[in-house]
Amino acid sequence: MDIEIIISLIFFAFCAGAIDAAVGGGGLIQIPALMGALPNYATATVFGTNKLASICGTASAAFSYLRQVKLQWKLLAVIAVTAFISSFGGAACVSMIPQAVLKPFVLFMLIVIAIYTFMKKQFGQVHFQQSVTTKTLVLAAVGGLLIGFYDGIFGPGTGSFFIFYFIRYLKVDFLHASALSKIGNFMTNFAALSFFIPTGHVLFSLGLIMAVANVAGSVIGVKMALKYGSGFIRILFLILVSVLILRLSYQMLFTS
């Protein structure tokens, strides 16, 4: 592989890590870059290599958030376990549900999320301190199962769905939702790699090089999120969801 291509992938991995650490959606940057650089490889290999790079950045971001943001361990455990199980199941069912069926539904949900977040100016701006009740744990489990399965079977916008769900149903702000989403994303990535590695769909040398850049980007992304808070993350969130909407719309209209 040419050195120019490797350098470009390092750059895109860094940018993906920074964006993903704050609001998720690093795959929007990293996957197209890998597809362009690896045109002769199977899609599963592209996804597997992407997961290897991104899981390192996600782990770094999750660790940084856990040191700076106070989170309930019971909540984290429920999200982690349910996200892993359902993502693993989603990956196993990936051939059963065509993407042509999922894309319109995902596009509709993203539009609803964007409008809701934009109209409700205070959405995700306040964090409510609450005890971890059975109801809270059940809601966390439902979110982990649904979004984890979605990530295993399709994927685009997983971080955005996690963040929106945690704000809406767990009553946290954007900062705490981003922190919780990193736990969920780490486990869904781990579940996916449990499929991709045994089947030989990971380019380890390239994935590890990109992982270093992804981690460096995630450090920057977390620092920006912690420094500027929920208002800053809300703006990035709306931008990212808008990009996702445009991307899926383009795919449905011009590449189907």
C-alpha atoms as a PDB file:
ATOM      1  CA  MET A   1       0.000   0.000   0.000  1.00  0.00           C
ATOM      2  CA  ASP A   2       1.319   3.441  -0.942  1.00  0.00           C
ATOM      3  CA  ILE A   3       2.622   5.652   1.847  1.00  0.00           C
ATOM      4  CA  GLU A   4       0.316   8.476   0.666  1.00  0.00           C
ATOM      5  CA  ILE A   5      -2.731   6.271   1.229  1.00  0.00           C
ATOM      6  CA  ILE A   6      -1.527   5.240   4.680  1.00  0.00           C
ATOM      7  CA  ILE A   7      -0.916   8.880   5.651  1.00  0.00           C
ATOM      8  CA  SER A   8      -4.398   9.841   4.468  1.00  0.00           C
ATOM      9  CA  LEU A   9      -5.926   6.996   6.486  1.00  0.00           C
ATOM     10  CA  ILE A  10      -4.014   8.128   9.567  1.00  0.00           C
ATOM     11  CA  PHE A  11      -5.421  11.639   9.099  1.00  0.00           C
ATOM     12  CA  PHE A  12      -8.984  10.391   8.674  1.00  0.00           C
ATOM     13  CA  ALA A  13      -8.616   8.064  11.667  1.00  0.00           C
ATOM     14  CA  PHE A  14      -7.484  11.019  13.810  1.00  0.00           C
ATOM     15  CA  CYS A  15     -10.481  13.135  12.716  1.00  0.00           C
ATOM     16  CA  ALA A  16     -12.842  10.203  13.252  1.00  0.00           C
ATOM     17  CA  GLY A  17     -11.519   9.656  16.769  1.00  0.00           C
ATOM     18  CA  ALA A  18     -12.016  13.319  17.692  1.00  0.00           C
ATOM     19  CA  ILE A  19     -15.602  13.489  16.407  1.00  0.00           C
ATOM     20  CA  ASP A  20     -16.528  10.070  17.774  1.00  0.00           C
ATOM     21  CA  ALA A  21     -15.284  10.899  21.269  1.00  0.00           C
ATOM     22  CA  ALA A  22     -17.613  13.894  21.507  1.00  0.00           C
ATOM     23  CA  VAL A  23     -20.798  12.818  19.727  1.00  0.00           C
ATOM     24  CA  GLY A  24     -20.194   9.500  17.976  1.00  0.00           C
ATOM     25  CA  GLY A  25     -20.289   9.020  14.223  1.00  0.00           C
ATOM     26  CA  GLY A  26     -16.598   8.427  13.602  1.00  0.00           C
ATOM     27  CA  GLY A  27     -17.551   5.722  11.118  1.00  0.00           C
ATOM     28  CA  LEU A  28     -18.920   8.441   8.823  1.00  0.00           C
ATOM     29  CA  ILE A  29     -15.333   9.537   8.277  1.00  0.00           C
ATOM     30  CA  GLN A  30     -13.364   6.332   8.718  1.00  0.00           C
ATOM     31  CA  ILE A  31     -15.421   3.817   6.720  1.00  0.00           C
ATOM     32  CA  PRO A  32     -15.591   5.827   3.451  1.00  0.00           C
ATOM     33  CA  ALA A  33     -11.833   6.472   3.744  1.00  0.00           C
ATOM     34  CA  LEU A  34     -11.157   2.745   4.126  1.00  0.00           C
ATOM     35  CA  MET A  35     -13.497   1.843   1.276  1.00  0.00           C
ATOM     36  CA  GLY A  36     -11.606   4.214  -1.007  1.00  0.00           C
ATOM     37  CA  ALA A  37      -8.235   2.841   0.106  1.00  0.00           C
ATOM     38  CA  LEU A  38      -9.246  -0.850  -0.052  1.00  0.00           C
ATOM     39  CA  PRO A  39     -11.375  -1.178  -3.202  1.00  0.00           C
ATOM     40  CA  ASN A  40     -10.392  -4.811  -3.787  1.00  0.00           C
ATOM     41  CA  TYR A  41     -11.206  -6.058  -0.294  1.00  0.00           C
ATOM     42  CA  ALA A  42     -14.498  -7.495   0.936  1.00  0.00           C
ATOM     43  CA  THR A  43     -16.855  -5.145   2.758  1.00  0.00           C
ATOM     44  CA  ALA A  44     -16.508  -7.313   5.861  1.00  0.00           C
ATOM     45  CA  THR A  45     -12.740  -6.688   5.834  1.00  0.00           C
ATOM     46  CA  VAL A  46     -13.304  -2.935   5.599  1.00  0.00           C
ATOM     47  CA  PHE A  47     -15.749  -3.066   8.511  1.00  0.00           C
ATOM     48  CA  GLY A  48     -13.500  -5.349  10.561  1.00  0.00           C
ATOM     49  CA  THR A  49     -10.452  -3.112  10.089  1.00  0.00           C
ATOM     50  CA  ASN A  50     -12.568  -0.079  10.942  1.00  0.00           C
ATOM     51  CA  LYS A  51     -13.794  -1.745  14.147  1.00  0.00           C
ATOM     52  CA  LEU A  52     -10.232  -2.570  15.220  1.00  0.00           C
ATOM     53  CA  ALA A  53      -9.191   1.057  14.812  1.00  0.00           C
ATOM     54  CA  SER A  54     -12.310   2.556  16.337  1.00  0.00           C
ATOM     55  CA  ILE A  55     -12.526   0.265  19.373  1.00  0.00           C
ATOM     56  CA  CYS A  56      -9.170   1.587  20.565  1.00  0.00           C
ATOM     57  CA  GLY A  57     -10.319   5.189  20.278  1.00  0.00           C
ATOM     58  CA  THR A  58     -13.630   4.337  21.922  1.00  0.00           C
ATOM     59  CA  ALA A  59     -11.838   2.598  24.801  1.00  0.00           C
ATOM     60  CA  SER A  60      -9.600   5.648  25.280  1.00  0.00           C
ATOM     61  CA  ALA A  61     -12.591   7.994  25.279  1.00  0.00           C
ATOM     62  CA  ALA A  62     -14.550   5.773  27.664  1.00  0.00           C
ATOM     63  CA  PHE A  63     -11.616   5.666  30.094  1.00  0.00           C
ATOM     64  CA  SER A  64     -11.203   9.452  29.953  1.00  0.00           C
ATOM     65  CA  TYR A  65     -14.898  10.054  30.555  1.00  0.00           C
ATOM     66  CA  LEU A  66     -14.971   7.612  33.465  1.00  0.00           C
ATOM     67  CA  ARG A  67     -12.169   9.578  35.161  1.00  0.00           C
ATOM     68  CA  GLN A  68     -13.883  12.943  34.676  1.00  0.00           C
ATOM     69  CA  VAL A  69     -17.637  12.292  34.653  1.00  0.00           C
ATOM     70  CA  LYS A  70     -19.450  10.643  37.551  1.00  0.00           C
ATOM     71  CA  LEU A  71     -21.512   7.692  36.312  1.00  0.00           C
ATOM     72  CA  GLN A  72     -23.451   4.951  38.061  1.00  0.00           C
ATOM     73  CA  TRP A  73     -21.651   1.605  37.806  1.00  0.00           C
ATOM     74  CA  LYS A  74     -24.856  -0.446  37.799  1.00  0.00           C
ATOM     75  CA  LEU A  75     -26.062   1.603  34.847  1.00  0.00           C
ATOM     76  CA  LEU A  76     -22.776   1.109  33.016  1.00  0.00           C
ATOM     77  CA  ALA A  77     -22.863  -2.648  33.596  1.00  0.00           C
ATOM     78  CA  VAL A  78     -26.409  -3.016  32.268  1.00  0.00           C
ATOM     79  CA  ILE A  79     -25.645  -0.956  29.157  1.00  0.00           C
ATOM     80  CA  ALA A  80     -22.400  -2.833  28.517  1.00  0.00           C
ATOM     81  CA  VAL A  81     -23.855  -6.338  28.846  1.00  0.00           C
ATOM     82  CA  THR A  82     -27.047  -5.710  26.869  1.00  0.00           C
ATOM     83  CA  ALA A  83     -25.226  -3.815  24.092  1.00  0.00           C
ATOM     84  CA  PHE A  84     -22.705  -6.635  23.670  1.00  0.00           C
ATOM     85  CA  ILE A  85     -25.292  -9.421  23.577  1.00  0.00           C
ATOM     86  CA  SER A  86     -27.624  -7.677  21.147  1.00  0.00           C
ATOM     87  CA  SER A  87     -24.829  -6.447  18.862  1.00  0.00           C
ATOM     88  CA  PHE A  88     -23.501  -9.996  18.666  1.00  0.00           C
ATOM     89  CA  GLY A  89     -26.987 -11.168  17.761  1.00  0.00           C
ATOM     90  CA  GLY A  90     -27.378  -8.381  15.217  1.00  0.00           C
ATOM     91  CA  ALA A  91     -24.147  -9.364  13.497  1.00  0.00           C
ATOM     92  CA  ALA A  92     -25.368 -12.951  13.323  1.00  0.00           C
ATOM     93  CA  CYS A  93     -28.604 -11.763  11.666  1.00  0.00           C
ATOM     94  CA  VAL A  94     -26.939  -9.315   9.281  1.00  0.00           C
ATOM     95  CA  SER A  95     -27.877 -11.307   6.173  1.00  0.00           C
ATOM     96  CA  MET A  96     -31.533 -11.720   7.196  1.00  0.00           C
ATOM     97  CA  ILE A  97     -32.645  -8.069   6.995  1.00  0.00           C
ATOM     98  CA  PRO A  98     -31.715  -6.189   3.792  1.00  0.00           C
ATOM     99  CA  GLN A  99     -30.248  -2.699   4.188  1.00  0.00           C
ATOM    100  CA  ALA A 100     -32.861  -1.471   1.691  1.00  0.00           C
ATOM    101  CA  VAL A 101     -35.480  -2.126   4.374  1.00  0.00           C
ATOM    102  CA  LEU A 102     -33.519  -0.511   7.192  1.00  0.00           C
ATOM    103  CA  LYS A 103     -32.389   2.696   5.466  1.00  0.00           C
ATOM    104  CA  PRO A 104     -35.825   4.407   5.165  1.00  0.00           C
ATOM    105  CA  PHE A 105     -36.617   3.605   8.808  1.00  0.00           C
ATOM    106  CA  VAL A 106     -33.243   4.897  10.034  1.00  0.00           C
ATOM    107  CA  LEU A 107     -33.575   8.038   7.890  1.00  0.00           C
ATOM    108  CA  PHE A 108     -37.026   8.747   9.352  1.00  0.00           C
ATOM    109  CA  MET A 109     -35.773   8.264  12.919  1.00  0.00           C
ATOM    110  CA  LEU A 110     -32.787  10.576  12.346  1.00  0.00           C
ATOM    111  CA  ILE A 111     -35.052  13.318  10.972  1.00  0.00           C
ATOM    112  CA  VAL A 112     -37.333  13.007  14.015  1.00  0.00           C
ATOM    113  CA  ILE A 113     -34.323  13.165  16.352  1.00  0.00           C
ATOM    114  CA  ALA A 114     -32.904  16.235  14.577  1.00  0.00           C
ATOM    115  CA  ILE A 115     -36.220  18.131  14.697  1.00  0.00           C
ATOM    116  CA  TYR A 116     -36.867  17.177  18.332  1.00  0.00           C
ATOM    117  CA  THR A 117     -33.379  18.210  19.458  1.00  0.00           C
ATOM    118  CA  PHE A 118     -33.476  21.473  17.491  1.00  0.00           C
ATOM    119  CA  MET A 119     -36.945  22.501  18.715  1.00  0.00           C
ATOM    120  CA  LYS A 120     -36.286  21.694  22.372  1.00  0.00           C
ATOM    121  CA  LYS A 121     -33.489  24.122  23.178  1.00  0.00           C
ATOM    122  CA  GLN A 122     -33.062  22.804  26.727  1.00  0.00           C
ATOM    123  CA  PHE A 123     -32.942  19.161  25.619  1.00  0.00           C
ATOM    124  CA  GLY A 124     -29.784  17.600  27.028  1.00  0.00           C
ATOM    125  CA  GLN A 125     -28.691  20.765  28.809  1.00  0.00           C
ATOM    126  CA  VAL A 126     -29.547  19.633  32.338  1.00  0.00           C
ATOM    127  CA  HIS A 127     -28.366  16.521  34.156  1.00  0.00           C
ATOM    128  CA  PHE A 128     -30.747  15.189  36.799  1.00  0.00           C
ATOM    129  CA  GLN A 129     -29.076  13.420  39.701  1.00  0.00           C
ATOM    130  CA  GLN A 130     -31.146  10.341  40.323  1.00  0.00           C
ATOM    131  CA  SER A 131     -30.868   7.086  42.172  1.00  0.00           C
ATOM    132  CA  VAL A 132     -30.535   3.992  40.022  1.00  0.00           C
ATOM    133  CA  THR A 133     -33.957   2.414  40.327  1.00  0.00           C
ATOM    134  CA  THR A 134     -35.289  -0.763  38.742  1.00  0.00           C
ATOM    135  CA  LYS A 135     -37.099   1.401  36.173  1.00  0.00           C
ATOM    136  CA  THR A 136     -33.857   3.178  35.251  1.00  0.00           C
ATOM    137  CA  LEU A 137     -32.016  -0.102  34.807  1.00  0.00           C
ATOM    138  CA  VAL A 138     -34.836  -1.524  32.681  1.00  0.00           C
ATOM    139  CA  LEU A 139     -34.794   1.563  30.448  1.00  0.00           C
ATOM    140  CA  ALA A 140     -31.007   1.298  30.137  1.00  0.00           C
ATOM    141  CA  ALA A 141     -31.306  -2.382  29.233  1.00  0.00           C
ATOM    142  CA  VAL A 142     -33.951  -1.687  26.584  1.00  0.00           C
ATOM    143  CA  GLY A 143     -31.744   0.991  25.020  1.00  0.00           C
ATOM    144  CA  GLY A 144     -28.694  -1.257  25.095  1.00  0.00           C
ATOM    145  CA  LEU A 145     -30.597  -4.129  23.478  1.00  0.00           C
ATOM    146  CA  LEU A 146     -32.301  -2.135  20.734  1.00  0.00           C
ATOM    147  CA  ILE A 147     -29.388   0.091  19.734  1.00  0.00           C
ATOM    148  CA  GLY A 148     -26.824  -2.673  20.193  1.00  0.00           C
ATOM    149  CA  PHE A 149     -28.782  -4.911  17.811  1.00  0.00           C
ATOM    150  CA  TYR A 150     -29.023  -2.060  15.315  1.00  0.00           C
ATOM    151  CA  ASP A 151     -25.260  -1.517  15.442  1.00  0.00           C
ATOM    152  CA  GLY A 152     -24.606  -5.202  14.842  1.00  0.00           C
ATOM    153  CA  ILE A 153     -26.934  -5.428  11.873  1.00  0.00           C
ATOM    154  CA  PHE A 154     -26.433  -1.993  10.227  1.00  0.00           C
ATOM    155  CA  GLY A 155     -24.563   0.662  12.229  1.00  0.00           C
ATOM    156  CA  PRO A 156     -24.691   4.252  10.889  1.00  0.00           C
ATOM    157  CA  GLY A 157     -25.659   6.696  13.635  1.00  0.00           C
ATOM    158  CA  THR A 158     -25.333   4.275  16.549  1.00  0.00           C
ATOM    159  CA  GLY A 159     -23.625   6.869  18.739  1.00  0.00           C
ATOM    160  CA  SER A 160     -26.327   9.425  17.945  1.00  0.00           C
ATOM    161  CA  PHE A 161     -29.082   6.959  18.816  1.00  0.00           C
ATOM    162  CA  PHE A 162     -27.363   6.085  22.100  1.00  0.00           C
ATOM    163  CA  ILE A 163     -26.971   9.748  23.056  1.00  0.00           C
ATOM    164  CA  PHE A 164     -30.552  10.669  22.176  1.00  0.00           C
ATOM    165  CA  TYR A 165     -31.964   7.664  24.032  1.00  0.00           C
ATOM    166  CA  PHE A 166     -29.942   8.302  27.191  1.00  0.00           C
ATOM    167  CA  ILE A 167     -30.960  11.973  27.290  1.00  0.00           C
ATOM    168  CA  ARG A 168     -34.616  11.254  26.597  1.00  0.00           C
ATOM    169  CA  TYR A 169     -35.125   8.278  28.916  1.00  0.00           C
ATOM    170  CA  LEU A 170     -32.329   8.406  31.505  1.00  0.00           C
ATOM    171  CA  LYS A 171     -32.642  12.202  31.973  1.00  0.00           C
ATOM    172  CA  VAL A 172     -28.948  13.002  31.590  1.00  0.00           C
ATOM    173  CA  ASP A 173     -27.300  15.865  29.704  1.00  0.00           C
ATOM    174  CA  PHE A 174     -25.289  15.629  26.492  1.00  0.00           C
ATOM    175  CA  LEU A 175     -21.996  15.267  28.352  1.00  0.00           C
ATOM    176  CA  HIS A 176     -23.160  12.343  30.491  1.00  0.00           C
ATOM    177  CA  ALA A 177     -24.966  10.798  27.503  1.00  0.00           C
ATOM    178  CA  SER A 178     -21.740  10.940  25.473  1.00  0.00           C
ATOM    179  CA  ALA A 179     -19.899   9.217  28.299  1.00  0.00           C
ATOM    180  CA  LEU A 180     -22.524   6.461  28.561  1.00  0.00           C
ATOM    181  CA  SER A 181     -22.584   6.038  24.777  1.00  0.00           C
ATOM    182  CA  LYS A 182     -18.853   5.297  24.753  1.00  0.00           C
ATOM    183  CA  ILE A 183     -19.470   2.289  27.009  1.00  0.00           C
ATOM    184  CA  GLY A 184     -22.234   1.048  24.727  1.00  0.00           C
ATOM    185  CA  ASN A 185     -20.167   1.663  21.584  1.00  0.00           C
ATOM    186  CA  PHE A 186     -17.127  -0.101  23.004  1.00  0.00           C
ATOM    187  CA  MET A 187     -19.158  -3.221  23.708  1.00  0.00           C
ATOM    188  CA  THR A 188     -20.864  -3.216  20.291  1.00  0.00           C
ATOM    189  CA  ASN A 189     -17.455  -2.873  18.612  1.00  0.00           C
ATOM    190  CA  PHE A 190     -16.088  -5.685  20.777  1.00  0.00           C
ATOM    191  CA  ALA A 191     -19.010  -7.909  19.800  1.00  0.00           C
ATOM    192  CA  ALA A 192     -18.463  -7.163  16.099  1.00  0.00           C
ATOM    193  CA  LEU A 193     -14.752  -7.976  16.348  1.00  0.00           C
ATOM    194  CA  SER A 194     -15.709 -11.289  17.946  1.00  0.00           C
ATOM    195  CA  PHE A 195     -17.136 -12.098  14.506  1.00  0.00           C
ATOM    196  CA  PHE A 196     -14.631 -10.405  12.221  1.00  0.00           C
ATOM    197  CA  ILE A 197     -11.371 -11.638  13.773  1.00  0.00           C
ATOM    198  CA  PRO A 198     -12.104 -15.399  13.723  1.00  0.00           C
ATOM    199  CA  THR A 199     -13.269 -15.149  10.100  1.00  0.00           C
ATOM    200  CA  GLY A 200     -10.101 -13.324   9.015  1.00  0.00           C
ATOM    201  CA  HIS A 201     -11.772 -10.033   8.147  1.00  0.00           C
ATOM    202  CA  VAL A 202      -9.310  -7.709   9.905  1.00  0.00           C
ATOM    203  CA  LEU A 203      -6.123  -6.154   8.456  1.00  0.00           C
ATOM    204  CA  PHE A 204      -4.205  -5.967  11.719  1.00  0.00           C
ATOM    205  CA  SER A 205      -1.179  -3.922  10.595  1.00  0.00           C
ATOM    206  CA  LEU A 206      -3.290  -1.201   9.001  1.00  0.00           C
ATOM    207  CA  GLY A 207      -5.933  -1.327  11.728  1.00  0.00           C
ATOM    208  CA  LEU A 208      -3.369  -0.880  14.508  1.00  0.00           C
ATOM    209  CA  ILE A 209      -1.687   2.054  12.730  1.00  0.00           C
ATOM    210  CA  MET A 210      -5.086   3.736  12.403  1.00  0.00           C
ATOM    211  CA  ALA A 211      -5.883   2.819  16.011  1.00  0.00           C
ATOM    212  CA  VAL A 212      -2.987   4.969  17.267  1.00  0.00           C
ATOM    213  CA  ALA A 213      -4.317   7.949  15.301  1.00  0.00           C
ATOM    214  CA  ASN A 214      -7.870   7.224  16.449  1.00  0.00           C
ATOM    215  CA  VAL A 215      -6.787   7.231  20.092  1.00  0.00           C
ATOM    216  CA  ALA A 216      -4.914  10.530  19.611  1.00  0.00           C
ATOM    217  CA  GLY A 217      -8.043  12.046  18.087  1.00  0.00           C
ATOM    218  CA  SER A 218     -10.251  10.736  20.867  1.00  0.00           C
ATOM    219  CA  VAL A 219      -8.047  12.420  23.487  1.00  0.00           C
ATOM    220  CA  ILE A 220      -8.616  15.757  21.735  1.00  0.00           C
ATOM    221  CA  GLY A 221     -12.343  15.084  21.339  1.00  0.00           C
ATOM    222  CA  VAL A 222     -12.857  14.280  25.018  1.00  0.00           C
ATOM    223  CA  LYS A 223     -10.906  17.352  26.122  1.00  0.00           C
ATOM    224  CA  MET A 224     -13.083  19.576  23.909  1.00  0.00           C
ATOM    225  CA  ALA A 225     -16.276  17.945  25.197  1.00  0.00           C
ATOM    226  CA  LEU A 226     -15.249  18.333  28.848  1.00  0.00           C
ATOM    227  CA  LYS A 227     -14.053  21.903  28.323  1.00  0.00           C
ATOM    228  CA  TYR A 228     -17.031  23.266  26.414  1.00  0.00           C
ATOM    229  CA  GLY A 229     -19.774  21.077  27.913  1.00  0.00           C
ATOM    230  CA  SER A 230     -23.231  20.053  26.792  1.00  0.00           C
ATOM    231  CA  GLY A 231     -24.004  23.148  24.713  1.00  0.00           C
ATOM    232  CA  PHE A 232     -21.005  22.487  22.488  1.00  0.00           C
ATOM    233  CA  ILE A 233     -21.843  18.778  22.205  1.00  0.00           C
ATOM    234  CA  ARG A 234     -25.454  19.639  21.286  1.00  0.00           C
ATOM    235  CA  ILE A 235     -24.267  21.690  18.303  1.00  0.00           C
ATOM    236  CA  LEU A 236     -21.910  18.933  17.148  1.00  0.00           C
ATOM    237  CA  PHE A 237     -24.700  16.411  17.632  1.00  0.00           C
ATOM    238  CA  LEU A 238     -27.079  18.359  15.382  1.00  0.00           C
ATOM    239  CA  ILE A 239     -24.367  18.755  12.730  1.00  0.00           C
ATOM    240  CA  LEU A 240     -23.549  15.052  12.815  1.00  0.00           C
ATOM    241  CA  VAL A 241     -27.199  13.961  12.603  1.00  0.00           C
ATOM    242  CA  SER A 242     -27.706  16.353   9.676  1.00  0.00           C
ATOM    243  CA  VAL A 243     -24.720  14.815   7.874  1.00  0.00           C
ATOM    244  CA  LEU A 244     -26.124  11.342   8.527  1.00  0.00           C
ATOM    245  CA  ILE A 245     -29.488  12.390   7.077  1.00  0.00           C
ATOM    246  CA  LEU A 246     -27.841  13.797   3.947  1.00  0.00           C
ATOM    247  CA  ARG A 247     -25.650  10.738   3.526  1.00  0.00           C
ATOM    248  CA  LEU A 248     -28.490   8.220   3.842  1.00  0.00           C
ATOM    249  CA  SER A 249     -30.712  10.322   1.570  1.00  0.00           C
ATOM    250  CA  TYR A 250     -27.986  10.411  -1.079  1.00  0.00           C
ATOM    251  CA  GLN A 251     -27.465   6.652  -0.836  1.00  0.00           C
ATOM    252  CA  MET A 252     -31.188   5.952  -1.183  1.00  0.00           C
ATOM    253  CA  LEU A 253     -31.661   8.309  -4.143  1.00  0.00           C
ATOM    254  CA  PHE A 254     -28.482   7.804  -6.172  1.00  0.00           C
ATOM    255  CA  THR A 255     -26.770   4.546  -5.211  1.00  0.00           C
ATOM    256  CA  SER A 256     -29.655   2.126  -4.732  1.00  0.00           C
END
